[in-house]
Protein backbone atom coordinates (compact mmCIF):
# COMPACT_ATOMS: atom_id res chain seq x y z
CA UNK A 1 169.05 117.88 132.44
CA UNK A 2 171.78 115.24 130.66
CA UNK A 3 173.96 113.83 133.18
CA UNK A 4 178.01 112.42 132.10
CA UNK A 5 178.16 108.95 133.64
CA UNK A 6 182.09 107.95 134.20
CA UNK A 7 183.30 104.43 135.28
CA UNK A 8 185.84 103.52 137.31
CA UNK A 9 187.49 100.28 137.27
CA UNK A 10 184.40 98.82 136.84
CA UNK A 11 184.43 94.87 137.21
CA UNK A 12 181.80 92.43 136.98
CA UNK A 13 182.69 88.38 137.47
CA UNK A 14 179.93 85.53 137.25
CA UNK A 15 180.99 81.93 138.58
CA UNK A 16 183.49 81.66 141.71
CA UNK A 17 186.39 80.40 142.25
CA UNK A 18 188.35 78.87 139.05
CA UNK A 19 185.10 78.25 137.33
CA UNK A 20 184.50 82.60 138.00
CA UNK A 21 184.92 84.55 134.66
CA UNK A 22 185.05 87.92 133.76
CA UNK A 23 182.15 89.67 131.81
CA UNK A 24 183.23 93.17 131.84
CA UNK A 25 187.30 93.61 133.44
CA UNK A 26 188.34 96.67 134.72
CA UNK A 27 186.96 99.20 132.18
CA UNK A 28 187.44 103.05 132.27
CA UNK A 29 185.15 104.88 130.99
CA UNK A 30 183.79 108.70 130.45
CA UNK A 31 180.98 110.11 128.80
CA UNK A 32 179.75 113.87 128.71
CA UNK A 33 176.34 114.96 129.30
CA UNK A 34 174.24 115.21 125.98
CA UNK A 35 176.20 112.60 124.54
CA UNK A 36 175.31 109.56 121.94
CA UNK A 37 177.79 106.80 123.05
CA UNK A 38 177.57 103.69 121.99
CA UNK A 39 178.75 100.27 123.18
CA UNK A 40 179.34 98.12 120.29
CA UNK A 41 181.14 94.62 119.67
CA UNK A 42 179.95 90.83 119.57
CA UNK A 43 177.78 88.94 121.24
CA UNK A 44 179.50 87.89 124.34
CA UNK A 45 182.30 91.39 124.83
CA UNK A 46 180.44 92.55 127.56
CA UNK A 47 178.40 95.56 126.26
CA UNK A 48 174.81 94.90 127.63
CA UNK A 49 176.62 94.00 130.73
CA UNK A 50 177.89 97.15 130.78
CA UNK A 51 174.50 98.32 130.39
CA UNK A 52 173.00 96.45 133.05
CA UNK A 53 175.71 97.75 135.39
CA UNK A 54 174.75 101.31 135.05
CA UNK A 55 171.23 100.84 134.96
CA UNK A 56 171.32 99.00 138.52
CA UNK A 57 170.22 95.54 137.15
CA UNK A 58 173.72 94.04 138.36
CA UNK A 59 176.28 94.71 140.95
CA UNK A 60 179.77 95.36 139.93
CA UNK A 61 182.36 93.33 141.34
CA UNK A 62 184.58 96.34 141.48
CA UNK A 63 184.93 99.56 140.87
CA UNK A 64 182.13 102.48 140.29
CA UNK A 65 179.64 103.97 138.55
CA UNK A 66 179.32 107.58 138.84
CA UNK A 67 176.10 109.61 137.63
CA UNK A 68 177.12 113.32 137.42
CA UNK A 69 179.75 112.60 139.79
CA UNK A 70 177.66 110.84 142.35
CA UNK A 71 178.67 106.95 143.20
CA UNK A 72 175.28 104.72 142.51
CA UNK A 73 177.47 101.81 142.07
CA UNK A 74 175.17 99.99 144.82
CA UNK A 75 172.01 102.24 144.33
CA UNK A 76 169.02 100.30 143.26
CA UNK A 77 168.05 100.86 140.00
CA UNK A 78 164.49 102.88 140.75
CA UNK A 79 166.86 105.32 142.80
CA UNK A 80 169.01 106.19 139.47
CA UNK A 81 167.89 108.91 137.24
CA UNK A 82 168.25 106.42 134.49
CA UNK A 83 165.90 104.47 132.23
CA UNK A 84 166.15 101.90 129.43
CA UNK A 85 164.49 100.86 126.35
CA UNK A 86 165.20 97.10 125.85
CA UNK A 87 165.16 95.16 122.38
CA UNK A 88 162.17 93.28 123.68
CA UNK A 89 160.01 96.45 124.14
CA UNK A 90 158.01 94.95 127.17
CA UNK A 91 155.36 96.48 126.52
CA UNK A 92 151.83 95.82 128.34
CA UNK A 93 149.45 94.25 125.85
CA UNK A 94 146.22 94.76 127.98
CA UNK A 95 147.55 98.57 128.58
CA UNK A 96 146.51 101.36 125.95
CA UNK A 97 149.10 103.24 124.35
CA UNK A 98 148.34 106.09 126.79
CA UNK A 99 148.30 103.95 129.36
CA UNK A 100 151.90 101.91 128.66
CA UNK A 101 153.27 105.84 128.83
CA UNK A 102 151.79 106.92 131.90
CA UNK A 103 152.07 103.63 133.90
CA UNK A 104 155.77 104.73 135.67
CA UNK A 105 154.08 108.40 136.10
CA UNK A 106 151.67 106.96 138.02
CA UNK A 107 154.15 106.19 141.05
CA UNK A 108 155.50 108.91 141.25
CA UNK A 109 153.11 111.68 142.65
CA UNK A 110 152.01 114.22 139.57
CA UNK A 111 148.54 115.28 139.53
CA UNK A 112 146.40 113.68 136.48
CA UNK A 113 146.52 117.12 134.44
CA UNK A 114 150.08 117.10 134.31
CA UNK A 115 150.04 113.32 133.17
CA UNK A 116 148.06 113.94 130.79
CA UNK A 117 150.03 116.92 129.62
CA UNK A 118 153.36 114.82 129.68
CA UNK A 119 152.30 111.71 128.41
CA UNK A 120 151.25 113.78 125.24
CA UNK A 121 154.30 115.73 124.84
CA UNK A 122 155.88 112.00 125.15
CA UNK A 123 154.05 110.82 122.37
CA UNK A 124 154.04 113.64 120.25
CA UNK A 125 157.93 113.46 120.28
CA UNK A 126 157.76 110.61 118.41
CA UNK A 127 155.05 110.51 116.06
CA UNK A 128 152.92 108.26 117.88
CA UNK A 129 150.22 111.19 119.53
CA UNK A 130 147.04 109.85 117.35
CA UNK A 131 147.34 105.85 118.35
CA UNK A 132 147.29 106.58 121.86
CA UNK A 133 144.03 104.89 122.60
CA UNK A 134 145.63 101.82 120.51
CA UNK A 135 146.73 98.48 122.59
CA UNK A 136 150.06 97.02 121.32
CA UNK A 137 148.72 94.21 119.06
CA UNK A 138 147.89 97.09 116.78
CA UNK A 139 151.12 98.85 116.31
CA UNK A 140 153.73 97.39 113.90
CA UNK A 141 157.39 96.69 115.54
CA UNK A 142 158.24 100.23 114.76
CA UNK A 143 155.30 101.80 116.12
CA UNK A 144 156.18 99.51 119.56
CA UNK A 145 159.63 100.98 119.44
CA UNK A 146 158.51 104.23 119.77
CA UNK A 147 156.07 103.65 122.66
CA UNK A 148 158.94 102.08 124.08
CA UNK A 149 160.28 105.14 123.63
CA UNK A 150 157.97 107.59 124.86
CA UNK A 151 157.73 105.41 128.09
CA UNK A 152 161.08 105.51 128.93
CA UNK A 153 161.48 109.84 128.18
CA UNK A 154 158.24 110.69 129.69
CA UNK A 155 160.16 110.21 132.84
CA UNK A 156 162.48 112.76 132.03
CA UNK A 157 165.88 110.31 132.80
CA UNK A 158 169.26 112.04 132.94
CA UNK A 159 170.92 109.25 131.00
CA UNK A 160 168.75 107.22 128.90
CA UNK A 161 170.23 103.46 127.96
CA UNK A 162 168.98 101.65 124.91
CA UNK A 163 169.99 97.57 124.76
CA UNK A 164 169.64 96.94 121.29
CA UNK A 165 166.14 98.53 120.70
CA UNK A 166 166.28 98.06 116.75
CA UNK A 167 167.23 94.45 116.89
CA UNK A 168 164.00 92.95 116.49
CA UNK A 169 163.19 94.83 113.40
CA UNK A 170 163.79 94.03 109.77
CA UNK A 171 166.51 96.27 107.62
CA UNK A 172 164.74 98.54 106.24
CA UNK A 173 162.67 99.86 109.54
CA UNK A 174 165.99 99.74 111.29
CA UNK A 175 167.54 102.12 108.38
CA UNK A 176 164.97 104.61 108.69
CA UNK A 177 164.35 104.72 112.73
CA UNK A 178 168.42 104.89 113.35
CA UNK A 179 168.11 108.14 111.45
CA UNK A 180 164.84 109.34 113.88
CA UNK A 181 167.21 107.91 116.89
CA UNK A 182 169.89 109.96 116.34
CA UNK A 183 167.36 113.25 115.90
CA UNK A 184 165.23 112.43 118.68
CA UNK A 185 168.91 112.49 120.97
CA UNK A 186 169.74 115.82 119.34
CA UNK A 187 166.04 117.32 120.08
CA UNK A 188 165.69 115.79 124.02
CA UNK A 189 169.72 116.88 124.39
CA UNK A 190 170.42 113.83 127.27
CA UNK A 191 172.78 111.41 127.21
CA UNK A 192 171.73 108.15 125.22
CA UNK A 193 173.99 105.29 125.82
CA UNK A 194 173.25 102.83 122.88
CA UNK A 195 174.54 98.82 123.30
CA UNK A 196 174.81 97.36 119.59
CA UNK A 197 176.38 94.48 117.48
CA UNK A 198 175.52 96.45 114.17
CA UNK A 199 178.73 99.05 113.20
CA UNK A 200 176.84 100.21 110.69
CA UNK A 201 174.57 101.25 113.18
CA UNK A 202 176.90 102.62 115.99
CA UNK A 203 178.81 104.19 113.04
CA UNK A 204 175.45 106.12 111.72
CA UNK A 205 174.36 107.65 115.11
CA UNK A 206 177.34 107.74 117.45
CA UNK A 207 179.19 111.14 118.73
CA UNK A 208 181.51 108.19 120.26
CA UNK A 209 181.96 105.19 120.38
CA UNK A 210 183.49 102.67 122.25
CA UNK A 211 184.27 98.93 120.85
CA UNK A 212 184.34 96.04 123.46
CA UNK A 213 186.52 92.57 123.26
CA UNK A 214 186.41 90.22 125.66
CA UNK A 215 185.28 92.74 128.87
CA UNK A 216 187.55 95.31 128.07
CA UNK A 217 187.80 98.63 125.61
CA UNK A 218 189.37 98.10 122.55
CA UNK A 219 189.18 101.65 121.04
CA UNK A 220 187.15 104.64 121.99
CA UNK A 221 186.82 107.47 119.43
CA UNK A 222 184.69 109.35 117.09
CA UNK A 223 183.19 107.01 114.39
CA UNK A 224 185.74 108.52 111.58
CA UNK A 225 188.09 108.23 114.16
CA UNK A 226 187.70 104.34 114.91
CA UNK A 227 187.17 103.69 111.11
CA UNK A 228 189.58 105.09 109.65
CA UNK A 229 192.32 104.65 112.47
CA UNK A 230 191.70 101.32 114.01
CA UNK A 231 193.76 100.58 117.27
CA UNK A 232 194.75 96.98 116.41
CA UNK A 233 193.51 93.90 113.87
CA UNK A 234 190.18 93.22 116.23
CA UNK A 235 188.87 96.60 115.74
CA UNK A 236 189.66 97.12 112.40
CA UNK A 237 188.20 93.57 111.19
CA UNK A 238 184.90 94.33 113.17
CA UNK A 239 183.96 98.09 111.88
CA UNK A 240 183.16 96.76 108.56
CA UNK A 241 185.52 95.02 106.13
CA UNK A 242 189.33 95.38 106.20
CA UNK A 243 192.09 94.53 103.90
CA UNK A 244 194.93 93.07 106.60
CA UNK A 245 198.10 92.62 104.67
CA UNK A 246 201.35 91.08 106.18
CA UNK A 247 204.12 93.31 105.79
CA UNK A 248 207.92 94.09 106.89
CA UNK A 249 208.90 97.57 108.25
CA UNK A 250 211.41 98.61 105.81
CA UNK A 251 212.16 102.51 106.11
CA UNK A 252 210.45 104.33 109.01
CA UNK A 253 210.24 108.03 108.50
CA UNK A 254 209.23 110.86 110.43
CA UNK A 255 207.20 113.74 108.70
CA UNK A 256 207.49 112.07 105.37
CA UNK A 257 206.48 108.39 103.93
CA UNK A 258 208.11 105.53 105.59
CA UNK A 259 208.38 101.99 103.47
CA UNK A 260 206.65 98.23 103.75
CA UNK A 261 207.41 95.58 102.26
CA UNK A 262 204.43 93.23 100.89
CA UNK A 263 206.39 90.37 99.88
CA UNK A 264 209.10 91.62 97.56
CA UNK A 265 206.68 94.78 96.02
CA UNK A 266 207.73 98.17 98.30
CA UNK A 267 204.74 99.98 99.17
CA UNK A 268 204.75 103.63 100.81
CA UNK A 269 202.73 104.74 104.11
CA UNK A 270 202.00 108.32 104.51
CA UNK A 271 200.53 107.63 108.19
CA UNK A 272 202.94 107.09 111.08
CA UNK A 273 204.52 103.43 111.62
CA UNK A 274 203.98 102.24 115.33
CA UNK A 275 207.47 99.71 114.70
CA UNK A 276 210.74 99.50 114.24
CA UNK A 277 212.37 99.19 110.59
CA UNK A 278 212.80 94.98 110.71
CA UNK A 279 209.66 94.80 112.59
CA UNK A 280 206.89 92.39 110.77
CA UNK A 281 203.06 93.25 111.65
CA UNK A 282 199.87 94.11 110.03
CA UNK A 283 198.77 96.89 107.51
CA UNK A 284 195.35 97.67 107.04
CA UNK A 285 193.27 99.33 103.81
CA UNK A 286 189.61 99.43 103.47
CA UNK A 287 188.29 97.97 100.73
CA UNK A 288 186.97 101.23 99.28
CA UNK A 289 189.82 102.67 98.94
CA UNK A 290 191.36 100.05 96.79
CA UNK A 291 191.57 101.51 93.34
CA UNK A 292 191.18 98.46 90.72
CA UNK A 293 193.31 99.68 87.43
CA UNK A 294 194.52 98.37 84.09
CA UNK A 295 196.85 95.97 83.95
CA UNK A 296 200.72 97.86 83.64
CA UNK A 297 199.42 100.84 85.18
CA UNK A 298 202.82 102.59 86.40
CA UNK A 299 203.93 104.16 89.64
CA UNK A 300 204.14 103.84 93.27
CA UNK A 301 201.86 101.49 95.52
CA UNK A 302 200.74 99.99 92.36
CA UNK A 303 200.48 95.66 92.42
CA UNK A 304 199.88 93.43 89.96
CA UNK A 305 196.70 91.04 90.71
CA UNK A 306 194.38 88.75 88.86
CA UNK A 307 190.41 89.01 89.52
CA UNK A 308 189.07 86.11 91.35
CA UNK A 309 185.66 87.16 91.30
CA UNK A 310 182.96 90.29 90.69
CA UNK A 311 180.01 90.48 92.63
CA UNK A 312 177.36 93.16 92.19
CA UNK A 313 176.11 94.81 95.56
CA UNK A 314 173.66 97.23 94.05
CA UNK A 315 175.18 100.57 95.06
CA UNK A 316 178.34 99.56 93.84
CA UNK A 317 180.74 96.54 92.76
CA UNK A 318 182.48 94.30 94.91
CA UNK A 319 185.81 92.82 93.53
CA UNK A 320 188.30 90.02 95.11
CA UNK A 321 191.85 90.61 93.97
CA UNK A 322 194.32 88.05 94.63
CA UNK A 323 197.77 90.25 94.06
CA UNK A 324 201.09 88.64 92.97
CA UNK A 325 202.44 88.87 96.57
CA UNK A 326 199.79 86.00 97.52
CA UNK A 327 197.70 88.22 99.50
CA UNK A 328 193.57 88.68 98.89
CA UNK A 329 192.14 92.15 99.21
CA UNK A 330 189.15 93.28 98.20
CA UNK A 331 187.91 96.74 96.59
CA UNK A 332 184.66 98.29 96.37
CA UNK A 333 184.23 100.25 92.99
CA UNK A 334 181.39 102.65 91.77
CA UNK A 335 179.23 100.39 88.79
CA UNK A 336 180.36 102.31 86.32
CA UNK A 337 184.22 101.45 87.00
CA UNK A 338 182.97 97.71 87.06
CA UNK A 339 182.24 97.57 83.45
CA UNK A 340 185.22 95.38 81.91
CA UNK A 341 186.02 94.00 85.13
CA UNK A 342 185.55 89.61 85.08
CA UNK A 343 186.47 86.56 86.71
CA UNK A 344 190.60 85.81 85.56
CA UNK A 345 191.30 89.39 83.96
CA UNK A 346 194.79 90.96 85.43
CA UNK A 347 195.03 94.13 86.70
CA UNK A 348 196.98 96.31 88.86
CA UNK A 349 195.56 96.92 92.56
CA UNK A 350 196.48 100.66 93.53
CA UNK A 351 196.80 100.99 97.80
CA UNK A 352 197.17 104.52 98.30
CA UNK A 353 199.79 105.89 100.62
CA UNK A 354 197.46 108.09 103.09
CA UNK A 355 194.86 104.52 103.04
CA UNK A 356 197.67 101.94 104.06
CA UNK A 357 197.74 102.34 107.54
CA UNK A 358 200.21 99.77 109.86
CA UNK A 359 198.49 98.94 113.28
CA UNK A 360 199.91 99.22 116.83
CA UNK A 361 200.45 96.15 119.01
CA UNK A 362 200.93 93.66 116.06
CA UNK A 363 204.50 94.23 115.60
CA UNK A 364 207.35 91.53 116.04
CA UNK A 365 210.49 90.72 114.49
CA UNK A 366 210.13 89.80 111.27
CA UNK A 367 211.88 86.09 110.14
CA UNK A 368 214.99 85.98 108.89
CA UNK A 369 214.40 85.67 104.88
CA UNK A 370 211.91 88.58 105.17
CA UNK A 371 215.00 90.83 106.91
CA UNK A 372 217.12 90.10 103.92
CA UNK A 373 214.07 91.10 101.64
CA UNK A 374 214.53 94.32 103.56
CA UNK A 375 218.05 94.47 103.30
CA UNK A 376 217.91 93.97 99.27
């Protein structure tokens, strides 16, 4: 049965005295039973330490870890109903696939008949039942990863912890296996907590994501929420490409579009503005929402620009623009719309009001010259 996880004030410090540092810094987190939940962030942000605390490989300095309501903060790893899949797979090279998967069952008191049944079911679940007699050295990286999953799942854990399990695979294999992994989680119905630094993996597989920064949680939400409504510039920049623009709030309207000033250009945003008029802050717009139009295009939220560079990406074309206000932005456009776009071409960049979002927590009083521009 899937179990929920709750972290309350969880802290892990390494070192002593003035040299100590918090790898995990007073985080609160609740993961529902049966949820595919990802911890996402760069190296050193605390995501793997959080996973190790849940697994029992590290003891918390402070706070609590609840597994289905029971406090397991100081319970040894082998007494927690969780299992872990590592990036290295950690398969025994001298054992067959079958014996690797069966290894953990040999110490649980199950009969040999039940052992055969459960190992067979686990291998079938990951489509590896026909490889039961092979050794790990006779398998590809993707096949070894499936065996590691089967070995973890055969023990029927309430929570499965996955520490960058696709990190050692090539890009093409990662793309196919992340789809398989999400489908597998839905079939077995248990709670998955997945650690990754790859934003595409997290966005593709997760029900919810916690973006971590310096031991703290910067934002929790669905993939759509954290991508389209980032809490701050860090989240916006980490989750995919983001155009960050320095703006001043000219007019804040409730229930209607607010006005921003980008240099001397007025822009409308239909999203909520978390700052008072006169405050300077950052606005974000994703490259796929920026439209490149012919020079002289009329209408609101259109800014004169010059094409700096055009990059063919395969599925689309990336266009680097230098706005007349001095800001640089990227646009990602369909290849068929990129015909005729070349370096040095004057264009207009259209920044749709529903795609332009002012970030919370970044507002500060505008400098005097910006205030004067707003007043004018």
